[in-house]
PDB file of N, CA and C in Angstrom:
ATOM      1  N   MET A   1       0.800  -1.162  -0.153  1.00  0.00           N
ATOM      2  CA  MET A   1      -0.143   0.070  -0.105  1.00  0.00           C
ATOM      3  C   MET A   1       0.795   0.931  -0.023  1.00  0.00           C
ATOM      4  N   ASP A   2       0.378   2.034  -0.978  1.00  0.00           N
ATOM      5  CA  ASP A   2       1.219   3.344  -1.040  1.00  0.00           C
ATOM      6  C   ASP A   2       0.803   4.457   0.117  1.00  0.00           C
ATOM      7  N   LYS A   3       1.600   5.757   0.218  1.00  0.00           N
ATOM      8  CA  LYS A   3       1.600   6.440   1.601  1.00  0.00           C
ATOM      9  C   LYS A   3       0.194   7.186   1.228  1.00  0.00           C
ATOM     10  N   VAL A   4      -0.112   7.670  -0.178  1.00  0.00           N
ATOM     11  CA  VAL A   4      -1.370   8.071  -0.354  1.00  0.00           C
ATOM     12  C   VAL A   4      -2.562   7.286   0.438  1.00  0.00           C
ATOM     13  N   GLN A   5      -2.420   6.223  -0.296  1.00  0.00           N
ATOM     14  CA  GLN A   5      -3.646   4.940   0.234  1.00  0.00           C
ATOM     15  C   GLN A   5      -3.681   5.067   1.756  1.00  0.00           C
ATOM     16  N   ARG A   6      -2.531   5.073   2.385  1.00  0.00           N
ATOM     17  CA  ARG A   6      -2.449   5.097   3.915  1.00  0.00           C
ATOM     18  C   ARG A   6      -3.071   6.396   4.275  1.00  0.00           C
ATOM     19  N   HIS A   7      -2.670   7.475   3.906  1.00  0.00           N
ATOM     20  CA  HIS A   7      -3.380   8.638   4.316  1.00  0.00           C
ATOM     21  C   HIS A   7      -4.991   8.909   3.848  1.00  0.00           C
ATOM     22  N   THR A   8      -5.355   8.309   3.071  1.00  0.00           N
ATOM     23  CA  THR A   8      -6.838   8.348   2.700  1.00  0.00           C
ATOM     24  C   THR A   8      -7.285   7.603   3.684  1.00  0.00           C
ATOM     25  N   GLU A   9      -6.764   5.624   4.506  1.00  0.00           N
ATOM     26  CA  GLU A   9      -7.723   5.493   4.997  1.00  0.00           C
ATOM     27  C   GLU A   9      -7.504   6.132   6.323  1.00  0.00           C
ATOM     28  N   ILE A  10      -6.589   6.346   6.778  1.00  0.00           N
ATOM     29  CA  ILE A  10      -6.474   7.261   7.981  1.00  0.00           C
ATOM     30  C   ILE A  10      -7.243   8.663   8.035  1.00  0.00           C
ATOM     31  N   CYS A  11      -7.528   9.017   7.195  1.00  0.00           N
ATOM     32  CA  CYS A  11      -8.566  10.281   7.101  1.00  0.00           C
ATOM     33  C   CYS A  11      -9.705   9.761   7.469  1.00  0.00           C
ATOM     34  N   THR A  12     -10.052   8.830   6.700  1.00  0.00           N
ATOM     35  CA  THR A  12     -11.080   8.198   6.759  1.00  0.00           C
ATOM     36  C   THR A  12     -11.629   7.573   8.371  1.00  0.00           C
ATOM     37  N   TYR A  13     -10.528   7.303   8.492  1.00  0.00           N
ATOM     38  CA  TYR A  13     -10.842   6.890  10.216  1.00  0.00           C
ATOM     39  C   TYR A  13     -10.722   7.793  10.967  1.00  0.00           C
ATOM     40  N   LEU A  14     -10.269   9.055  10.805  1.00  0.00           N
ATOM     41  CA  LEU A  14     -10.539  10.159  11.593  1.00  0.00           C
ATOM     42  C   LEU A  14     -11.846  11.052  11.454  1.00  0.00           C
ATOM     43  N   SER A  15     -12.348  10.899  10.330  1.00  0.00           N
ATOM     44  CA  SER A  15     -13.982  11.131  10.271  1.00  0.00           C
ATOM     45  C   SER A  15     -14.697  10.061  11.088  1.00  0.00           C
ATOM     46  N   ILE A  16     -14.885   8.888  11.007  1.00  0.00           N
ATOM     47  CA  ILE A  16     -15.492   8.121  11.581  1.00  0.00           C
ATOM     48  C   ILE A  16     -15.326   7.993  13.151  1.00  0.00           C
ATOM     49  N   LEU A  17     -13.950   8.657  13.484  1.00  0.00           N
ATOM     50  CA  LEU A  17     -13.560   9.011  15.018  1.00  0.00           C
ATOM     51  C   LEU A  17     -14.439   9.778  15.327  1.00  0.00           C
ATOM     52  N   TYR A  18     -13.913  11.005  14.636  1.00  0.00           N
ATOM     53  CA  TYR A  18     -14.785  12.391  14.740  1.00  0.00           C
ATOM     54  C   TYR A  18     -16.380  12.291  15.179  1.00  0.00           C
ATOM     55  N   GLU A  19     -17.142  11.503  14.224  1.00  0.00           N
ATOM     56  CA  GLU A  19     -18.481  11.699  14.061  1.00  0.00           C
ATOM     57  C   GLU A  19     -18.740  11.033  15.399  1.00  0.00           C
ATOM     58  N   THR A  20     -18.055   9.666  15.756  1.00  0.00           N
ATOM     59  CA  THR A  20     -18.767   8.878  16.940  1.00  0.00           C
ATOM     60  C   THR A  20     -18.221   9.566  18.401  1.00  0.00           C
ATOM     61  N   LYS A  21     -17.406  10.672  18.226  1.00  0.00           N
ATOM     62  CA  LYS A  21     -16.846  11.357  19.577  1.00  0.00           C
ATOM     63  C   LYS A  21     -17.562  12.668  19.848  1.00  0.00           C
ATOM     64  N   ASN A  22     -17.963  13.027  18.398  1.00  0.00           N
ATOM     65  CA  ASN A  22     -18.713  14.334  18.244  1.00  0.00           C
ATOM     66  C   ASN A  22     -20.310  14.189  19.155  1.00  0.00           C
ATOM     67  N   LYS A  23     -20.658  13.400  18.496  1.00  0.00           N
ATOM     68  CA  LYS A  23     -22.241  12.488  19.221  1.00  0.00           C
ATOM     69  C   LYS A  23     -21.935  12.234  20.427  1.00  0.00           C
ATOM     70  N   ASP A  24     -20.761  11.742  20.852  1.00  0.00           N
ATOM     71  CA  ASP A  24     -21.025  10.997  22.479  1.00  0.00           C
ATOM     72  C   ASP A  24     -20.696  12.593  23.459  1.00  0.00           C
ATOM     73  N   TYR A  25     -20.130  13.655  22.774  1.00  0.00           N
ATOM     74  CA  TYR A  25     -19.650  14.802  23.492  1.00  0.00           C
ATOM     75  C   TYR A  25     -20.499  16.143  23.453  1.00  0.00           C
ATOM     76  N   GLY A  26     -21.564  15.696  22.404  1.00  0.00           N
ATOM     77  CA  GLY A  26     -22.662  16.646  21.955  1.00  0.00           C
ATOM     78  C   GLY A  26     -22.060  17.991  21.591  1.00  0.00           C
ATOM     79  N   ASP A  27     -20.941  17.546  20.673  1.00  0.00           N
ATOM     80  CA  ASP A  27     -20.716  19.171  19.598  1.00  0.00           C
ATOM     81  C   ASP A  27     -20.017  20.152  20.454  1.00  0.00           C
ATOM     82  N   SER A  28     -19.354  19.571  21.725  1.00  0.00           N
ATOM     83  CA  SER A  28     -18.818  20.411  22.913  1.00  0.00           C
ATOM     84  C   SER A  28     -17.608  21.045  22.313  1.00  0.00           C
ATOM     85  N   PHE A  29     -17.076  20.724  21.271  1.00  0.00           N
ATOM     86  CA  PHE A  29     -15.597  21.408  20.870  1.00  0.00           C
ATOM     87  C   PHE A  29     -16.447  22.828  20.265  1.00  0.00           C
ATOM     88  N   ALA A  30     -17.098  22.768  19.470  1.00  0.00           N
ATOM     89  CA  ALA A  30     -17.695  23.808  18.847  1.00  0.00           C
ATOM     90  C   ALA A  30     -18.684  24.849  19.834  1.00  0.00           C
ATOM     91  N   LYS A  31     -18.976  24.412  20.789  1.00  0.00           N
ATOM     92  CA  LYS A  31     -19.332  25.065  21.733  1.00  0.00           C
ATOM     93  C   LYS A  31     -18.336  25.818  22.569  1.00  0.00           C
ATOM     94  N   SER A  32     -17.197  25.538  22.886  1.00  0.00           N
ATOM     95  CA  SER A  32     -16.184  25.889  23.433  1.00  0.00           C
ATOM     96  C   SER A  32     -15.684  26.926  22.814  1.00  0.00           C
ATOM     97  N   PHE A  33     -15.472  26.457  21.148  1.00  0.00           N
ATOM     98  CA  PHE A  33     -14.763  27.341  20.364  1.00  0.00           C
ATOM     99  C   PHE A  33     -15.531  28.637  20.382  1.00  0.00           C
ATOM    100  N   ASP A  34     -16.907  28.707  20.159  1.00  0.00           N
ATOM    101  CA  ASP A  34     -17.427  29.748  20.418  1.00  0.00           C
ATOM    102  C   ASP A  34     -17.590  30.414  21.392  1.00  0.00           C
ATOM    103  N   GLU A  35     -17.282  30.337  22.637  1.00  0.00           N
ATOM    104  CA  GLU A  35     -17.276  30.680  23.604  1.00  0.00           C
ATOM    105  C   GLU A  35     -15.800  31.356  24.079  1.00  0.00           C
ATOM    106  N   TYR A  36     -14.624  30.684  23.765  1.00  0.00           N
ATOM    107  CA  TYR A  36     -13.422  30.964  24.186  1.00  0.00           C
ATOM    108  C   TYR A  36     -12.352  31.136  22.827  1.00  0.00           C
ATOM    109  N   GLY A  37     -13.290  30.734  21.796  1.00  0.00           N
ATOM    110  CA  GLY A  37     -12.045  31.020  20.505  1.00  0.00           C
ATOM    111  C   GLY A  37     -10.689  30.206  20.686  1.00  0.00           C
ATOM    112  N   MET A  38      -9.874  30.626  19.482  1.00  0.00           N
ATOM    113  CA  MET A  38      -9.049  29.834  19.538  1.00  0.00           C
ATOM    114  C   MET A  38      -8.081  29.728  20.787  1.00  0.00           C
ATOM    115  N   THR A  39      -7.717  30.100  21.685  1.00  0.00           N
ATOM    116  CA  THR A  39      -7.603  29.947  23.237  1.00  0.00           C
ATOM    117  C   THR A  39      -8.007  28.587  23.502  1.00  0.00           C
ATOM    118  N   MET A  40      -8.949  28.158  23.632  1.00  0.00           N
ATOM    119  CA  MET A  40      -9.572  27.046  23.921  1.00  0.00           C
ATOM    120  C   MET A  40      -9.351  25.852  23.047  1.00  0.00           C
ATOM    121  N   SER A  41      -9.210  25.892  21.516  1.00  0.00           N
ATOM    122  CA  SER A  41      -8.117  25.310  20.992  1.00  0.00           C
ATOM    123  C   SER A  41      -6.866  24.845  20.882  1.00  0.00           C
ATOM    124  N   CYS A  42      -5.931  25.633  21.366  1.00  0.00           N
ATOM    125  CA  CYS A  42      -4.794  25.727  21.624  1.00  0.00           C
ATOM    126  C   CYS A  42      -4.449  24.916  23.029  1.00  0.00           C
ATOM    127  N   ILE A  43      -5.147  25.284  23.932  1.00  0.00           N
ATOM    128  CA  ILE A  43      -5.298  24.547  24.899  1.00  0.00           C
ATOM    129  C   ILE A  43      -5.626  23.097  24.516  1.00  0.00           C
ATOM    130  N   ARG A  44      -6.643  22.607  24.050  1.00  0.00           N
ATOM    131  CA  ARG A  44      -6.931  21.269  24.100  1.00  0.00           C
ATOM    132  C   ARG A  44      -6.075  20.920  22.947  1.00  0.00           C
ATOM    133  N   LEU A  45      -5.368  21.212  22.192  1.00  0.00           N
ATOM    134  CA  LEU A  45      -4.092  20.594  21.124  1.00  0.00           C
ATOM    135  C   LEU A  45      -2.781  20.722  22.351  1.00  0.00           C
ATOM    136  N   GLU A  46      -2.735  21.391  23.134  1.00  0.00           N
ATOM    137  CA  GLU A  46      -1.207  21.289  24.179  1.00  0.00           C
ATOM    138  C   GLU A  46      -1.620  20.366  24.761  1.00  0.00           C
ATOM    139  N   ASP A  47      -2.886  19.907  25.520  1.00  0.00           N
ATOM    140  CA  ASP A  47      -3.221  18.731  26.287  1.00  0.00           C
ATOM    141  C   ASP A  47      -2.534  17.474  25.722  1.00  0.00           C
ATOM    142  N   LYS A  48      -3.034  17.233  24.735  1.00  0.00           N
ATOM    143  CA  LYS A  48      -2.798  16.573  23.806  1.00  0.00           C
ATOM    144  C   LYS A  48      -1.308  16.315  23.531  1.00  0.00           C
ATOM    145  N   LEU A  49      -0.668  17.260  23.374  1.00  0.00           N
ATOM    146  CA  LEU A  49       0.389  16.959  22.831  1.00  0.00           C
ATOM    147  C   LEU A  49       1.402  17.100  23.916  1.00  0.00           C
ATOM    148  N   ASN A  50       1.206  17.322  25.645  1.00  0.00           N
ATOM    149  CA  ASN A  50       1.596  17.069  26.755  1.00  0.00           C
ATOM    150  C   ASN A  50       1.522  15.255  26.872  1.00  0.00           C
ATOM    151  N   ARG A  51       0.211  14.989  26.416  1.00  0.00           N
ATOM    152  CA  ARG A  51      -0.006  13.542  26.637  1.00  0.00           C
ATOM    153  C   ARG A  51       0.972  12.662  25.762  1.00  0.00           C
ATOM    154  N   LEU A  52       1.207  13.426  24.268  1.00  0.00           N
ATOM    155  CA  LEU A  52       2.423  12.478  23.457  1.00  0.00           C
ATOM    156  C   LEU A  52       3.382  12.550  23.871  1.00  0.00           C
ATOM    157  N   LYS A  53       4.171  13.653  24.777  1.00  0.00           N
ATOM    158  CA  LYS A  53       5.167  13.822  25.794  1.00  0.00           C
ATOM    159  C   LYS A  53       5.336  12.368  26.318  1.00  0.00           C
ATOM    160  N   ALA A  54       4.170  12.874  27.388  1.00  0.00           N
ATOM    161  CA  ALA A  54       4.397  11.583  28.548  1.00  0.00           C
ATOM    162  C   ALA A  54       4.360  10.244  27.976  1.00  0.00           C
ATOM    163  N   LEU A  55       3.647  10.094  27.071  1.00  0.00           N
ATOM    164  CA  LEU A  55       3.927   8.768  26.335  1.00  0.00           C
ATOM    165  C   LEU A  55       5.264   8.029  25.809  1.00  0.00           C
ATOM    166  N   THR A  56       6.073   9.302  25.006  1.00  0.00           N
ATOM    167  CA  THR A  56       7.073   9.211  24.750  1.00  0.00           C
ATOM    168  C   THR A  56       8.096   9.521  25.337  1.00  0.00           C
ATOM    169  N   VAL A  57       8.314  10.435  25.636  1.00  0.00           N
ATOM    170  CA  VAL A  57       9.687  11.236  25.933  1.00  0.00           C
ATOM    171  C   VAL A  57      10.074  11.003  27.457  1.00  0.00           C
ATOM    172  N   LYS A  58       8.805  11.307  28.389  1.00  0.00           N
ATOM    173  CA  LYS A  58       9.094  10.711  29.904  1.00  0.00           C
ATOM    174  C   LYS A  58       9.565   9.524  30.487  1.00  0.00           C
ATOM    175  N   ASN A  59       9.058   8.631  29.389  1.00  0.00           N
ATOM    176  CA  ASN A  59       9.275   6.988  29.520  1.00  0.00           C
ATOM    177  C   ASN A  59       9.285   6.738  31.218  1.00  0.00           C
ATOM    178  N   GLN A  60       8.075   7.204  31.593  1.00  0.00           N
ATOM    179  CA  GLN A  60       7.163   6.998  32.887  1.00  0.00           C
ATOM    180  C   GLN A  60       6.074   5.895  32.644  1.00  0.00           C
ATOM    181  N   SER A  61       5.676   5.124  33.722  1.00  0.00           N
ATOM    182  CA  SER A  61       4.791   4.364  33.696  1.00  0.00           C
ATOM    183  C   SER A  61       3.390   4.937  33.901  1.00  0.00           C
ATOM    184  N   GLN A  62       2.481   4.591  32.609  1.00  0.00           N
ATOM    185  CA  GLN A  62       1.295   5.299  32.530  1.00  0.00           C
ATOM    186  C   GLN A  62       0.126   4.785  33.629  1.00  0.00           C
ATOM    187  N   GLN A  63      -0.984   5.298  33.897  1.00  0.00           N
ATOM    188  CA  GLN A  63      -1.664   5.027  34.530  1.00  0.00           C
ATOM    189  C   GLN A  63      -2.732   4.701  33.490  1.00  0.00           C
ATOM    190  N   VAL A  64      -3.196   5.560  32.513  1.00  0.00           N
ATOM    191  CA  VAL A  64      -3.803   5.286  31.750  1.00  0.00           C
ATOM    192  C   VAL A  64      -3.162   3.940  30.456  1.00  0.00           C
ATOM    193  N   LYS A  65      -4.146   3.055  30.627  1.00  0.00           N
ATOM    194  CA  LYS A  65      -3.298   2.176  29.562  1.00  0.00           C
ATOM    195  C   LYS A  65      -4.217   1.631  28.320  1.00  0.00           C
ATOM    196  N   ASP A  66      -4.943   2.491  28.084  1.00  0.00           N
ATOM    197  CA  ASP A  66      -5.879   2.219  26.931  1.00  0.00           C
ATOM    198  C   ASP A  66      -5.760   3.394  26.039  1.00  0.00           C
ATOM    199  N   GLU A  67      -4.742   4.128  26.166  1.00  0.00           N
ATOM    200  CA  GLU A  67      -4.467   4.996  25.069  1.00  0.00           C
ATOM    201  C   GLU A  67      -3.248   5.461  24.907  1.00  0.00           C
ATOM    202  N   SER A  68      -2.802   5.232  23.520  1.00  0.00           N
ATOM    203  CA  SER A  68      -1.441   4.830  22.800  1.00  0.00           C
ATOM    204  C   SER A  68      -0.694   6.209  21.989  1.00  0.00           C
ATOM    205  N   VAL A  69       0.529   6.055  21.667  1.00  0.00           N
ATOM    206  CA  VAL A  69       0.727   6.869  20.929  1.00  0.00           C
ATOM    207  C   VAL A  69       0.087   7.082  19.579  1.00  0.00           C
ATOM    208  N   GLU A  70      -0.799   6.380  18.740  1.00  0.00           N
ATOM    209  CA  GLU A  70      -1.481   6.418  17.829  1.00  0.00           C
ATOM    210  C   GLU A  70      -2.489   7.218  17.922  1.00  0.00           C
ATOM    211  N   ASP A  71      -3.411   6.721  19.133  1.00  0.00           N
ATOM    212  CA  ASP A  71      -4.456   7.535  19.585  1.00  0.00           C
ATOM    213  C   ASP A  71      -4.498   8.814  19.992  1.00  0.00           C
ATOM    214  N   THR A  72      -3.470   9.346  20.415  1.00  0.00           N
ATOM    215  CA  THR A  72      -3.136  10.602  20.973  1.00  0.00           C
ATOM    216  C   THR A  72      -2.905  11.276  19.446  1.00  0.00           C
ATOM    217  N   LEU A  73      -1.872  10.877  18.584  1.00  0.00           N
ATOM    218  CA  LEU A  73      -1.415  11.636  17.405  1.00  0.00           C
ATOM    219  C   LEU A  73      -3.040  12.014  16.555  1.00  0.00           C
ATOM    220  N   MET A  74      -4.039  10.630  16.507  1.00  0.00           N
ATOM    221  CA  MET A  74      -5.578  10.712  15.768  1.00  0.00           C
ATOM    222  C   MET A  74      -5.832  11.680  16.537  1.00  0.00           C
ATOM    223  N   ASP A  75      -5.799  11.951  17.540  1.00  0.00           N
ATOM    224  CA  ASP A  75      -6.827  13.097  18.358  1.00  0.00           C
ATOM    225  C   ASP A  75      -6.419  14.492  18.214  1.00  0.00           C
ATOM    226  N   LEU A  76      -4.794  14.543  18.219  1.00  0.00           N
ATOM    227  CA  LEU A  76      -4.342  15.760  17.701  1.00  0.00           C
ATOM    228  C   LEU A  76      -4.741  16.125  16.452  1.00  0.00           C
ATOM    229  N   ALA A  77      -4.720  15.026  15.358  1.00  0.00           N
ATOM    230  CA  ALA A  77      -4.941  15.482  14.053  1.00  0.00           C
ATOM    231  C   ALA A  77      -6.362  15.915  14.116  1.00  0.00           C
ATOM    232  N   ASN A  78      -7.333  15.339  14.804  1.00  0.00           N
ATOM    233  CA  ASN A  78      -8.636  15.699  14.719  1.00  0.00           C
ATOM    234  C   ASN A  78      -8.802  17.352  15.238  1.00  0.00           C
ATOM    235  N   TYR A  79      -8.427  17.521  16.408  1.00  0.00           N
ATOM    236  CA  TYR A  79      -8.488  18.724  17.037  1.00  0.00           C
ATOM    237  C   TYR A  79      -7.967  19.690  15.959  1.00  0.00           C
ATOM    238  N   ALA A  80      -6.957  19.382  15.332  1.00  0.00           N
ATOM    239  CA  ALA A  80      -6.556  20.399  14.217  1.00  0.00           C
ATOM    240  C   ALA A  80      -7.241  21.146  13.314  1.00  0.00           C
ATOM    241  N   ILE A  81      -8.199  19.585  13.259  1.00  0.00           N
ATOM    242  CA  ILE A  81      -9.195  19.833  11.788  1.00  0.00           C
ATOM    243  C   ILE A  81     -10.255  20.513  12.188  1.00  0.00           C
ATOM    244  N   MET A  82     -10.967  20.301  13.326  1.00  0.00           N
ATOM    245  CA  MET A  82     -12.066  20.686  14.036  1.00  0.00           C
ATOM    246  C   MET A  82     -11.851  22.147  14.194  1.00  0.00           C
ATOM    247  N   THR A  83     -10.343  22.631  14.672  1.00  0.00           N
ATOM    248  CA  THR A  83     -10.420  24.208  14.195  1.00  0.00           C
ATOM    249  C   THR A  83     -10.580  24.641  13.057  1.00  0.00           C
ATOM    250  N   VAL A  84      -9.750  24.189  12.194  1.00  0.00           N
ATOM    251  CA  VAL A  84     -10.034  24.803  10.693  1.00  0.00           C
ATOM    252  C   VAL A  84     -11.565  24.465  10.393  1.00  0.00           C
ATOM    253  N   ILE A  85     -12.197  23.883  10.810  1.00  0.00           N
ATOM    254  CA  ILE A  85     -13.806  23.367  10.397  1.00  0.00           C
ATOM    255  C   ILE A  85     -14.692  25.024  10.988  1.00  0.00           C
ATOM    256  N   GLU A  86     -14.194  25.188  12.465  1.00  0.00           N
ATOM    257  CA  GLU A  86     -14.704  26.472  13.272  1.00  0.00           C
ATOM    258  C   GLU A  86     -14.338  27.403  12.642  1.00  0.00           C
ATOM    259  N   LEU A  87     -13.230  28.045  12.277  1.00  0.00           N
ATOM    260  CA  LEU A  87     -12.460  29.020  11.895  1.00  0.00           C
ATOM    261  C   LEU A  87     -13.374  29.170  10.082  1.00  0.00           C
ATOM    262  N   GLN A  88     -13.623  28.397   9.865  1.00  0.00           N
ATOM    263  CA  GLN A  88     -14.125  28.307   8.537  1.00  0.00           C
ATOM    264  C   GLN A  88     -15.601  28.780   8.469  1.00  0.00           C
ATOM    265  N   ILE A  89     -16.139  27.930   9.581  1.00  0.00           N
ATOM    266  CA  ILE A  89     -17.756  28.722   9.633  1.00  0.00           C
ATOM    267  C   ILE A  89     -17.989  29.812  10.239  1.00  0.00           C
ATOM    268  N   LYS A  90     -16.666  30.752  11.267  1.00  0.00           N
ATOM    269  CA  LYS A  90     -16.970  31.563  11.891  1.00  0.00           C
ATOM    270  C   LYS A  90     -16.437  32.500  10.491  1.00  0.00           C
ATOM    271  N   GLU A  91     -15.681  32.580   9.603  1.00  0.00           N
ATOM    272  CA  GLU A  91     -15.260  33.230   8.291  1.00  0.00           C
ATOM    273  C   GLU A  91     -16.536  33.508   7.619  1.00  0.00           C
ATOM    274  N   GLU A  92     -17.324  31.954   7.438  1.00  0.00           N
ATOM    275  CA  GLU A  92     -18.673  31.919   6.514  1.00  0.00           C
ATOM    276  C   GLU A  92     -19.471  33.348   7.032  1.00  0.00           C
ATOM    277  N   LYS A  93     -19.639  32.895   8.606  1.00  0.00           N
ATOM    278  CA  LYS A  93     -20.870  34.195   9.230  1.00  0.00           C
ATOM    279  C   LYS A  93     -20.428  35.561   9.247  1.00  0.00           C
ATOM    280  N   ASN A  94     -18.818  35.490   9.405  1.00  0.00           N
ATOM    281  CA  ASN A  94     -18.562  37.035   8.744  1.00  0.00           C
ATOM    282  C   ASN A  94     -18.961  37.967   7.660  1.00  0.00           C
ATOM    283  N   HIS A  95     -18.742  36.812   6.753  1.00  0.00           N
ATOM    284  CA  HIS A  95     -18.669  37.228   5.522  1.00  0.00           C
ATOM    285  C   HIS A  95     -20.541  37.168   4.922  1.00  0.00           C
ATOM    286  N   GLY A  96     -21.242  36.416   5.530  1.00  0.00           N
ATOM    287  CA  GLY A  96     -22.328  36.697   5.282  1.00  0.00           C
ATOM    288  C   GLY A  96     -23.152  37.961   6.432  1.00  0.00           C
ATOM    289  N   LYS A  97     -22.304  38.723   7.221  1.00  0.00           N
ATOM    290  CA  LYS A  97     -22.737  40.301   7.636  1.00  0.00           C
ATOM    291  C   LYS A  97     -22.237  41.151   7.111  1.00  0.00           C
ATOM    292  N   GLY A  98     -21.805  40.802   5.716  1.00  0.00           N
ATOM    293  CA  GLY A  98     -21.133  41.704   5.004  1.00  0.00           C
ATOM    294  C   GLY A  98     -20.042  42.665   5.586  1.00  0.00           C
ATOM    295  N   LYS A  99     -18.874  41.797   5.798  1.00  0.00           N
ATOM    296  CA  LYS A  99     -17.686  41.673   6.113  1.00  0.00           C
ATOM    297  C   LYS A  99     -16.715  41.655   5.508  1.00  0.00           C
TER     298      LYS A  99
END
């Protein structure tokens, strides 16, 4: 399998993961983004980055056993995509108001 195919498969998985988690969390990311803007997005991304560091750099025993490096990277990717979506929606709303 070539890298483009792998990328496509990962993006498909990310979409399914996003849909599932978004239903479970009740679109909380969008609600928080509306209230706090990019600050909230940066905090969520930093939390996941810190988790990635804990899993890879600090070499310590992990209490949460069911979250892997790959899971954390998938969450980071989805948070980045979710931020892009919210920025696009915000821009569309602004253009709709004549800005």
